PDB file of N, CA and C in Angstrom:
ATOM      1  N   UNK A   1     -80.157  82.628 -56.291  1.00  0.00           N
ATOM      2  CA  UNK A   1     -79.566  83.282 -55.165  1.00  0.00           C
ATOM      3  C   UNK A   1     -79.452  84.448 -55.462  1.00  0.00           C
ATOM      4  N   UNK A   2     -79.652  85.434 -56.418  1.00  0.00           N
ATOM      5  CA  UNK A   2     -80.069  86.842 -56.683  1.00  0.00           C
ATOM      6  C   UNK A   2     -81.481  86.933 -56.457  1.00  0.00           C
ATOM      7  N   UNK A   3     -82.254  86.353 -56.528  1.00  0.00           N
ATOM      8  CA  UNK A   3     -83.572  86.386 -56.302  1.00  0.00           C
ATOM      9  C   UNK A   3     -83.680  86.502 -55.085  1.00  0.00           C
ATOM     10  N   UNK A   4     -83.077  85.663 -54.228  1.00  0.00           N
ATOM     11  CA  UNK A   4     -83.661  85.224 -52.996  1.00  0.00           C
ATOM     12  C   UNK A   4     -83.067  86.205 -52.064  1.00  0.00           C
ATOM     13  N   UNK A   5     -81.936  86.823 -52.535  1.00  0.00           N
ATOM     14  CA  UNK A   5     -81.157  88.082 -51.837  1.00  0.00           C
ATOM     15  C   UNK A   5     -82.741  89.194 -52.250  1.00  0.00           C
ATOM     16  N   UNK A   6     -82.825  89.759 -53.394  1.00  0.00           N
ATOM     17  CA  UNK A   6     -83.774  90.483 -53.494  1.00  0.00           C
ATOM     18  C   UNK A   6     -85.041  90.842 -52.769  1.00  0.00           C
ATOM     19  N   UNK A   7     -85.332  89.307 -52.536  1.00  0.00           N
ATOM     20  CA  UNK A   7     -86.677  89.230 -51.717  1.00  0.00           C
ATOM     21  C   UNK A   7     -86.637  89.492 -49.965  1.00  0.00           C
ATOM     22  N   UNK A   8     -85.487  89.051 -49.955  1.00  0.00           N
ATOM     23  CA  UNK A   8     -85.119  89.572 -48.443  1.00  0.00           C
ATOM     24  C   UNK A   8     -85.084  90.892 -48.124  1.00  0.00           C
ATOM     25  N   UNK A   9     -84.251  91.414 -49.337  1.00  0.00           N
ATOM     26  CA  UNK A   9     -84.136  93.135 -49.099  1.00  0.00           C
ATOM     27  C   UNK A   9     -85.325  93.883 -48.873  1.00  0.00           C
ATOM     28  N   UNK A  10     -86.382  93.500 -50.235  1.00  0.00           N
ATOM     29  CA  UNK A  10     -87.566  93.933 -50.180  1.00  0.00           C
ATOM     30  C   UNK A  10     -88.549  93.957 -49.480  1.00  0.00           C
ATOM     31  N   UNK A  11     -88.888  92.668 -48.434  1.00  0.00           N
ATOM     32  CA  UNK A  11     -89.066  92.061 -47.384  1.00  0.00           C
ATOM     33  C   UNK A  11     -88.928  93.129 -45.969  1.00  0.00           C
ATOM     34  N   UNK A  12     -87.366  93.364 -46.125  1.00  0.00           N
ATOM     35  CA  UNK A  12     -87.014  93.983 -45.284  1.00  0.00           C
ATOM     36  C   UNK A  12     -87.437  95.625 -45.052  1.00  0.00           C
ATOM     37  N   UNK A  13     -87.525  96.340 -46.404  1.00  0.00           N
ATOM     38  CA  UNK A  13     -87.714  97.310 -46.419  1.00  0.00           C
ATOM     39  C   UNK A  13     -89.426  97.736 -46.003  1.00  0.00           C
ATOM     40  N   UNK A  14     -90.080  96.855 -46.651  1.00  0.00           N
ATOM     41  CA  UNK A  14     -91.359  96.460 -46.280  1.00  0.00           C
ATOM     42  C   UNK A  14     -91.802  96.603 -44.888  1.00  0.00           C
ATOM     43  N   UNK A  15     -90.902  95.984 -44.076  1.00  0.00           N
ATOM     44  CA  UNK A  15     -91.159  95.880 -42.949  1.00  0.00           C
ATOM     45  C   UNK A  15     -90.790  97.231 -42.195  1.00  0.00           C
ATOM     46  N   UNK A  16     -90.234  97.818 -42.694  1.00  0.00           N
ATOM     47  CA  UNK A  16     -89.462  98.846 -42.009  1.00  0.00           C
ATOM     48  C   UNK A  16     -90.346 100.243 -42.124  1.00  0.00           C
ATOM     49  N   UNK A  17     -91.178 100.003 -43.427  1.00  0.00           N
ATOM     50  CA  UNK A  17     -91.876 101.252 -44.017  1.00  0.00           C
ATOM     51  C   UNK A  17     -93.264 101.143 -43.030  1.00  0.00           C
ATOM     52  N   UNK A  18     -93.563  99.941 -42.794  1.00  0.00           N
ATOM     53  CA  UNK A  18     -94.648  99.332 -42.095  1.00  0.00           C
ATOM     54  C   UNK A  18     -94.446  99.491 -40.437  1.00  0.00           C
ATOM     55  N   UNK A  19     -93.850  99.718 -39.956  1.00  0.00           N
ATOM     56  CA  UNK A  19     -93.777  99.698 -38.585  1.00  0.00           C
ATOM     57  C   UNK A  19     -93.755 100.455 -37.507  1.00  0.00           C
ATOM     58  N   UNK A  20     -94.157 101.902 -38.125  1.00  0.00           N
ATOM     59  CA  UNK A  20     -94.438 102.530 -37.137  1.00  0.00           C
ATOM     60  C   UNK A  20     -93.484 103.854 -37.307  1.00  0.00           C
ATOM     61  N   UNK A  21     -93.279 104.787 -36.117  1.00  0.00           N
ATOM     62  CA  UNK A  21     -92.723 105.617 -36.402  1.00  0.00           C
ATOM     63  C   UNK A  21     -91.125 105.401 -35.667  1.00  0.00           C
ATOM     64  N   UNK A  22     -91.119 104.893 -34.762  1.00  0.00           N
ATOM     65  CA  UNK A  22     -89.959 104.439 -33.868  1.00  0.00           C
ATOM     66  C   UNK A  22     -88.816 104.449 -34.751  1.00  0.00           C
ATOM     67  N   UNK A  23     -89.027 103.427 -35.606  1.00  0.00           N
ATOM     68  CA  UNK A  23     -87.734 103.614 -36.834  1.00  0.00           C
ATOM     69  C   UNK A  23     -87.284 104.329 -37.380  1.00  0.00           C
ATOM     70  N   UNK A  24     -88.494 105.595 -37.697  1.00  0.00           N
ATOM     71  CA  UNK A  24     -87.794 106.457 -38.442  1.00  0.00           C
ATOM     72  C   UNK A  24     -87.065 107.977 -37.284  1.00  0.00           C
ATOM     73  N   UNK A  25     -87.652 107.497 -36.156  1.00  0.00           N
ATOM     74  CA  UNK A  25     -86.614 108.483 -34.718  1.00  0.00           C
ATOM     75  C   UNK A  25     -85.140 108.037 -35.198  1.00  0.00           C
ATOM     76  N   UNK A  26     -85.315 106.701 -34.930  1.00  0.00           N
ATOM     77  CA  UNK A  26     -83.937 105.886 -34.959  1.00  0.00           C
ATOM     78  C   UNK A  26     -82.781 106.426 -36.295  1.00  0.00           C
ATOM     79  N   UNK A  27     -83.597 106.450 -37.579  1.00  0.00           N
ATOM     80  CA  UNK A  27     -82.875 107.040 -38.698  1.00  0.00           C
ATOM     81  C   UNK A  27     -82.934 108.356 -38.861  1.00  0.00           C
ATOM     82  N   UNK A  28     -83.194 109.608 -37.757  1.00  0.00           N
ATOM     83  CA  UNK A  28     -83.279 110.647 -37.916  1.00  0.00           C
ATOM     84  C   UNK A  28     -84.298 111.598 -38.968  1.00  0.00           C
ATOM     85  N   UNK A  29     -85.229 110.549 -38.855  1.00  0.00           N
ATOM     86  CA  UNK A  29     -86.470 111.290 -39.681  1.00  0.00           C
ATOM     87  C   UNK A  29     -87.699 111.606 -38.963  1.00  0.00           C
ATOM     88  N   UNK A  30     -87.859 111.946 -37.672  1.00  0.00           N
ATOM     89  CA  UNK A  30     -88.395 111.722 -36.944  1.00  0.00           C
ATOM     90  C   UNK A  30     -89.291 113.034 -37.017  1.00  0.00           C
ATOM     91  N   UNK A  31     -90.643 113.640 -36.532  1.00  0.00           N
ATOM     92  CA  UNK A  31     -91.061 114.687 -36.840  1.00  0.00           C
ATOM     93  C   UNK A  31     -90.546 115.926 -35.772  1.00  0.00           C
ATOM     94  N   UNK A  32     -91.364 117.208 -36.583  1.00  0.00           N
ATOM     95  CA  UNK A  32     -90.769 117.939 -36.161  1.00  0.00           C
ATOM     96  C   UNK A  32     -90.360 118.301 -34.333  1.00  0.00           C
ATOM     97  N   UNK A  33     -89.433 118.765 -33.900  1.00  0.00           N
ATOM     98  CA  UNK A  33     -89.238 118.847 -32.568  1.00  0.00           C
ATOM     99  C   UNK A  33     -89.879 119.892 -31.747  1.00  0.00           C
ATOM    100  N   UNK A  34     -90.473 119.694 -30.323  1.00  0.00           N
ATOM    101  CA  UNK A  34     -90.854 120.524 -29.895  1.00  0.00           C
ATOM    102  C   UNK A  34     -90.405 122.122 -29.562  1.00  0.00           C
ATOM    103  N   UNK A  35     -89.135 121.912 -29.604  1.00  0.00           N
ATOM    104  CA  UNK A  35     -87.744 123.125 -29.513  1.00  0.00           C
ATOM    105  C   UNK A  35     -88.331 124.065 -30.654  1.00  0.00           C
ATOM    106  N   UNK A  36     -89.012 123.793 -31.651  1.00  0.00           N
ATOM    107  CA  UNK A  36     -89.456 124.647 -32.728  1.00  0.00           C
ATOM    108  C   UNK A  36     -90.477 125.664 -32.126  1.00  0.00           C
ATOM    109  N   UNK A  37     -91.418 125.443 -31.395  1.00  0.00           N
ATOM    110  CA  UNK A  37     -92.160 126.413 -30.851  1.00  0.00           C
ATOM    111  C   UNK A  37     -91.772 126.571 -29.346  1.00  0.00           C
ATOM    112  N   UNK A  38     -90.716 127.101 -28.949  1.00  0.00           N
ATOM    113  CA  UNK A  38     -90.620 127.039 -27.164  1.00  0.00           C
ATOM    114  C   UNK A  38     -91.453 127.532 -26.177  1.00  0.00           C
ATOM    115  N   UNK A  39     -92.208 128.783 -26.757  1.00  0.00           N
ATOM    116  CA  UNK A  39     -93.324 129.224 -25.662  1.00  0.00           C
ATOM    117  C   UNK A  39     -94.663 128.462 -25.765  1.00  0.00           C
ATOM    118  N   UNK A  40     -94.833 127.684 -26.416  1.00  0.00           N
ATOM    119  CA  UNK A  40     -96.107 127.048 -26.055  1.00  0.00           C
ATOM    120  C   UNK A  40     -95.473 125.640 -25.671  1.00  0.00           C
ATOM    121  N   UNK A  41     -94.431 124.976 -25.991  1.00  0.00           N
ATOM    122  CA  UNK A  41     -94.075 123.861 -25.018  1.00  0.00           C
ATOM    123  C   UNK A  41     -93.315 123.672 -23.908  1.00  0.00           C
ATOM    124  N   UNK A  42     -93.266 125.073 -23.412  1.00  0.00           N
ATOM    125  CA  UNK A  42     -92.473 125.048 -22.004  1.00  0.00           C
ATOM    126  C   UNK A  42     -92.941 123.960 -20.550  1.00  0.00           C
ATOM    127  N   UNK A  43     -94.431 123.547 -20.878  1.00  0.00           N
ATOM    128  CA  UNK A  43     -94.737 122.726 -19.735  1.00  0.00           C
ATOM    129  C   UNK A  43     -94.937 121.414 -20.287  1.00  0.00           C
ATOM    130  N   UNK A  44     -94.507 121.173 -21.385  1.00  0.00           N
ATOM    131  CA  UNK A  44     -94.530 119.689 -21.685  1.00  0.00           C
ATOM    132  C   UNK A  44     -93.473 118.665 -21.052  1.00  0.00           C
ATOM    133  N   UNK A  45     -93.883 117.867 -19.999  1.00  0.00           N
ATOM    134  CA  UNK A  45     -92.859 117.198 -19.421  1.00  0.00           C
ATOM    135  C   UNK A  45     -93.610 115.585 -19.329  1.00  0.00           C
ATOM    136  N   UNK A  46     -94.280 115.476 -20.085  1.00  0.00           N
ATOM    137  CA  UNK A  46     -94.976 113.675 -20.039  1.00  0.00           C
ATOM    138  C   UNK A  46     -95.748 113.940 -21.406  1.00  0.00           C
ATOM    139  N   UNK A  47     -96.352 112.583 -21.752  1.00  0.00           N
ATOM    140  CA  UNK A  47     -96.992 112.161 -23.131  1.00  0.00           C
ATOM    141  C   UNK A  47     -98.546 112.584 -22.720  1.00  0.00           C
ATOM    142  N   UNK A  48     -99.247 112.252 -21.504  1.00  0.00           N
ATOM    143  CA  UNK A  48    -100.390 112.871 -21.702  1.00  0.00           C
ATOM    144  C   UNK A  48    -100.755 114.554 -21.879  1.00  0.00           C
ATOM    145  N   UNK A  49     -99.412 115.117 -21.570  1.00  0.00           N
ATOM    146  CA  UNK A  49     -99.543 116.454 -21.959  1.00  0.00           C
ATOM    147  C   UNK A  49     -99.673 116.767 -22.954  1.00  0.00           C
ATOM    148  N   UNK A  50     -98.416 116.083 -23.956  1.00  0.00           N
ATOM    149  CA  UNK A  50     -98.929 115.765 -25.226  1.00  0.00           C
ATOM    150  C   UNK A  50     -99.973 115.903 -25.630  1.00  0.00           C
ATOM    151  N   UNK A  51    -100.603 114.916 -25.450  1.00  0.00           N
ATOM    152  CA  UNK A  51    -102.010 114.375 -25.996  1.00  0.00           C
ATOM    153  C   UNK A  51    -103.087 115.206 -25.727  1.00  0.00           C
ATOM    154  N   UNK A  52    -103.262 115.983 -24.900  1.00  0.00           N
ATOM    155  CA  UNK A  52    -104.004 116.928 -24.187  1.00  0.00           C
ATOM    156  C   UNK A  52    -104.229 117.573 -25.847  1.00  0.00           C
ATOM    157  N   UNK A  53    -103.007 118.507 -26.132  1.00  0.00           N
ATOM    158  CA  UNK A  53    -103.280 119.132 -27.267  1.00  0.00           C
ATOM    159  C   UNK A  53    -103.353 118.627 -29.037  1.00  0.00           C
ATOM    160  N   UNK A  54    -103.093 117.336 -28.933  1.00  0.00           N
ATOM    161  CA  UNK A  54    -102.399 117.099 -30.201  1.00  0.00           C
ATOM    162  C   UNK A  54    -103.012 115.459 -30.696  1.00  0.00           C
ATOM    163  N   UNK A  55    -103.953 115.155 -29.722  1.00  0.00           N
ATOM    164  CA  UNK A  55    -105.381 113.938 -29.609  1.00  0.00           C
ATOM    165  C   UNK A  55    -106.112 113.759 -30.888  1.00  0.00           C
ATOM    166  N   UNK A  56    -106.240 113.214 -31.379  1.00  0.00           N
ATOM    167  CA  UNK A  56    -106.785 113.573 -33.123  1.00  0.00           C
ATOM    168  C   UNK A  56    -108.346 113.524 -32.588  1.00  0.00           C
ATOM    169  N   UNK A  57    -108.549 113.028 -31.492  1.00  0.00           N
ATOM    170  CA  UNK A  57    -110.247 112.529 -30.750  1.00  0.00           C
ATOM    171  C   UNK A  57    -110.327 113.723 -30.625  1.00  0.00           C
ATOM    172  N   UNK A  58    -109.643 114.873 -29.993  1.00  0.00           N
ATOM    173  CA  UNK A  58    -110.190 115.765 -29.127  1.00  0.00           C
ATOM    174  C   UNK A  58    -109.296 117.202 -29.977  1.00  0.00           C
ATOM    175  N   UNK A  59    -109.781 117.219 -31.092  1.00  0.00           N
ATOM    176  CA  UNK A  59    -109.092 118.388 -31.821  1.00  0.00           C
ATOM    177  C   UNK A  59    -109.132 120.130 -31.420  1.00  0.00           C
ATOM    178  N   UNK A  60    -107.698 120.230 -31.305  1.00  0.00           N
ATOM    179  CA  UNK A  60    -107.322 121.819 -31.293  1.00  0.00           C
ATOM    180  C   UNK A  60    -106.721 122.727 -32.240  1.00  0.00           C
ATOM    181  N   UNK A  61    -106.064 123.396 -31.484  1.00  0.00           N
ATOM    182  CA  UNK A  61    -105.609 124.156 -32.973  1.00  0.00           C
ATOM    183  C   UNK A  61    -104.073 123.630 -32.950  1.00  0.00           C
ATOM    184  N   UNK A  62    -103.287 122.573 -32.624  1.00  0.00           N
ATOM    185  CA  UNK A  62    -102.482 121.929 -32.566  1.00  0.00           C
ATOM    186  C   UNK A  62    -102.306 121.002 -33.394  1.00  0.00           C
ATOM    187  N   UNK A  63    -101.024 120.527 -34.341  1.00  0.00           N
ATOM    188  CA  UNK A  63    -101.420 119.600 -35.896  1.00  0.00           C
ATOM    189  C   UNK A  63    -101.671 117.985 -34.607  1.00  0.00           C
ATOM    190  N   UNK A  64    -103.038 116.944 -35.283  1.00  0.00           N
ATOM    191  CA  UNK A  64    -102.986 115.880 -34.441  1.00  0.00           C
ATOM    192  C   UNK A  64    -101.814 115.263 -34.780  1.00  0.00           C
ATOM    193  N   UNK A  65    -101.557 114.259 -34.081  1.00  0.00           N
ATOM    194  CA  UNK A  65    -100.687 113.068 -34.120  1.00  0.00           C
ATOM    195  C   UNK A  65    -101.376 111.682 -34.868  1.00  0.00           C
ATOM    196  N   UNK A  66    -100.663 110.898 -35.626  1.00  0.00           N
ATOM    197  CA  UNK A  66    -101.125 110.141 -36.410  1.00  0.00           C
ATOM    198  C   UNK A  66    -100.851 108.549 -35.510  1.00  0.00           C
ATOM    199  N   UNK A  67    -100.407 108.997 -34.290  1.00  0.00           N
ATOM    200  CA  UNK A  67    -100.208 107.897 -33.413  1.00  0.00           C
ATOM    201  C   UNK A  67    -100.474 107.815 -32.014  1.00  0.00           C
ATOM    202  N   UNK A  68    -101.835 108.088 -31.697  1.00  0.00           N
ATOM    203  CA  UNK A  68    -101.881 109.134 -30.481  1.00  0.00           C
ATOM    204  C   UNK A  68    -101.854 107.741 -29.244  1.00  0.00           C
ATOM    205  N   UNK A  69    -101.630 106.316 -29.461  1.00  0.00           N
ATOM    206  CA  UNK A  69    -101.404 105.271 -28.800  1.00  0.00           C
ATOM    207  C   UNK A  69    -100.487 105.138 -28.504  1.00  0.00           C
ATOM    208  N   UNK A  70     -99.281 105.850 -29.097  1.00  0.00           N
ATOM    209  CA  UNK A  70     -97.833 105.594 -29.210  1.00  0.00           C
ATOM    210  C   UNK A  70     -97.625 106.079 -27.886  1.00  0.00           C
ATOM    211  N   UNK A  71     -96.608 105.331 -26.619  1.00  0.00           N
ATOM    212  CA  UNK A  71     -95.841 106.215 -25.972  1.00  0.00           C
ATOM    213  C   UNK A  71     -94.634 106.545 -26.395  1.00  0.00           C
ATOM    214  N   UNK A  72     -94.031 107.889 -25.907  1.00  0.00           N
ATOM    215  CA  UNK A  72     -92.892 108.536 -26.275  1.00  0.00           C
ATOM    216  C   UNK A  72     -92.924 109.774 -27.300  1.00  0.00           C
ATOM    217  N   UNK A  73     -93.764 110.210 -27.094  1.00  0.00           N
ATOM    218  CA  UNK A  73     -93.894 111.761 -27.475  1.00  0.00           C
ATOM    219  C   UNK A  73     -92.625 112.672 -27.589  1.00  0.00           C
ATOM    220  N   UNK A  74     -92.114 113.083 -26.036  1.00  0.00           N
ATOM    221  CA  UNK A  74     -90.908 113.567 -26.124  1.00  0.00           C
ATOM    222  C   UNK A  74     -89.499 112.993 -26.263  1.00  0.00           C
ATOM    223  N   UNK A  75     -89.971 111.661 -26.238  1.00  0.00           N
ATOM    224  CA  UNK A  75     -88.361 110.874 -26.651  1.00  0.00           C
ATOM    225  C   UNK A  75     -88.065 110.983 -28.232  1.00  0.00           C
ATOM    226  N   UNK A  76     -89.574 111.052 -28.604  1.00  0.00           N
ATOM    227  CA  UNK A  76     -89.046 111.593 -30.320  1.00  0.00           C
ATOM    228  C   UNK A  76     -89.094 113.037 -30.650  1.00  0.00           C
ATOM    229  N   UNK A  77     -89.683 113.633 -29.789  1.00  0.00           N
ATOM    230  CA  UNK A  77     -89.745 114.979 -30.386  1.00  0.00           C
ATOM    231  C   UNK A  77     -89.587 116.353 -29.570  1.00  0.00           C
ATOM    232  N   UNK A  78     -88.650 115.484 -28.478  1.00  0.00           N
ATOM    233  CA  UNK A  78     -88.546 116.636 -27.547  1.00  0.00           C
ATOM    234  C   UNK A  78     -86.408 116.878 -27.579  1.00  0.00           C
ATOM    235  N   UNK A  79     -85.814 116.511 -28.854  1.00  0.00           N
ATOM    236  CA  UNK A  79     -84.776 116.384 -29.074  1.00  0.00           C
ATOM    237  C   UNK A  79     -84.465 117.890 -29.797  1.00  0.00           C
ATOM    238  N   UNK A  80     -83.262 117.873 -30.321  1.00  0.00           N
ATOM    239  CA  UNK A  80     -82.759 118.766 -30.824  1.00  0.00           C
ATOM    240  C   UNK A  80     -82.912 118.938 -32.202  1.00  0.00           C
ATOM    241  N   UNK A  81     -83.267 120.258 -33.161  1.00  0.00           N
ATOM    242  CA  UNK A  81     -83.586 120.466 -34.214  1.00  0.00           C
ATOM    243  C   UNK A  81     -82.909 119.801 -35.281  1.00  0.00           C
ATOM    244  N   UNK A  82     -82.829 118.464 -36.051  1.00  0.00           N
ATOM    245  CA  UNK A  82     -82.036 118.264 -36.968  1.00  0.00           C
ATOM    246  C   UNK A  82     -82.040 118.530 -38.053  1.00  0.00           C
TER     247      UNK A  82
END
């Protein structure tokens, strides 16, 4: 019975670790908030504007995102600095 519980826990942890960044936002481990650089992000109102600068396919001075197809840039990165 103990082995079954251990395997279930390990499987759940593996699933969480490999399922993208949405769970990190839920756990409070999301990436830096855009409020760290308010002067640059004044006009950021939607995901398309975020990806114009942060898309790895079109490199700029902005740090590229590792999830360019994920929708919800401002949902994860538009909150208060934690």
